[in-house]
Amino acid sequence: MSRRSCACSWAKFLGWARLERQAVLMRMTPPYIGFIIEESILSRTLGGAEVLKE
């Protein structure tokens, strides 16, 4: 299989996968996702000064 046909197959798969995910989210009973996180994560600093400037 050439690189081009492999890339084309991959692009088709990604397009199909996106449509499948979209169908799941648009159905009458969309998925429910819940998260449990530690309270300390709410005050944890992520990144440095450069990130905080943004």
Protein backbone atom coordinates (compact mmCIF):
# COMPACT_ATOMS: atom_id res chain seq x y z
CA MET A 1 0.00 0.00 0.00
CA SER A 2 1.42 3.39 -0.96
CA ARG A 3 1.64 6.30 1.43
CA ARG A 4 -0.97 8.20 -0.54
CA SER A 5 -3.56 5.43 -0.44
CA CYS A 6 -2.79 4.87 3.23
CA ALA A 7 -3.31 8.58 3.96
CA CYS A 8 -6.54 8.53 1.97
CA SER A 9 -7.80 5.51 3.91
CA TRP A 10 -6.88 7.22 7.19
CA ALA A 11 -8.73 10.39 6.17
CA LYS A 12 -11.84 8.37 5.27
CA PHE A 13 -11.68 6.58 8.63
CA LEU A 14 -11.36 9.88 10.52
CA GLY A 15 -14.36 11.29 8.64
CA TRP A 16 -16.39 8.18 9.44
CA ALA A 17 -15.34 8.29 13.12
CA ARG A 18 -16.37 11.96 13.39
CA LEU A 19 -19.81 11.19 11.99
CA GLU A 20 -20.21 8.28 14.42
CA ARG A 21 -19.31 10.49 17.41
CA GLN A 22 -21.72 13.15 16.17
CA ALA A 23 -24.51 10.57 15.91
CA VAL A 24 -23.96 9.50 19.52
CA LEU A 25 -24.19 13.09 20.74
CA MET A 26 -27.30 13.88 18.70
CA ARG A 27 -29.43 10.87 19.68
CA MET A 28 -32.53 11.29 21.88
CA THR A 29 -30.69 10.13 25.00
CA PRO A 30 -27.18 11.58 24.70
CA PRO A 31 -24.48 10.09 26.91
CA TYR A 32 -24.11 11.35 30.46
CA ILE A 33 -20.56 11.88 31.63
CA GLY A 34 -19.65 12.66 35.21
CA PHE A 35 -16.30 13.37 36.81
CA ILE A 36 -14.97 13.08 40.32
CA ILE A 37 -11.97 15.28 41.00
CA GLU A 38 -9.92 16.12 44.06
CA GLU A 39 -10.67 19.48 45.63
CA SER A 40 -6.95 20.35 45.56
CA ILE A 41 -6.91 20.37 41.76
CA LEU A 42 -9.10 23.50 41.81
CA SER A 43 -6.30 25.53 43.36
CA ARG A 44 -3.33 23.85 41.66
CA THR A 45 -1.23 26.05 39.39
CA LEU A 46 -0.88 24.63 35.91
CA GLY A 47 1.83 26.05 33.68
CA GLY A 48 4.15 28.89 34.51
CA ALA A 49 4.04 32.66 34.38
CA GLU A 50 3.84 32.66 30.56
CA VAL A 51 0.68 30.55 30.63
CA LEU A 52 -0.91 32.72 33.32
CA LYS A 53 -0.32 35.86 31.24
CA GLU A 54 -2.67 34.51 28.60
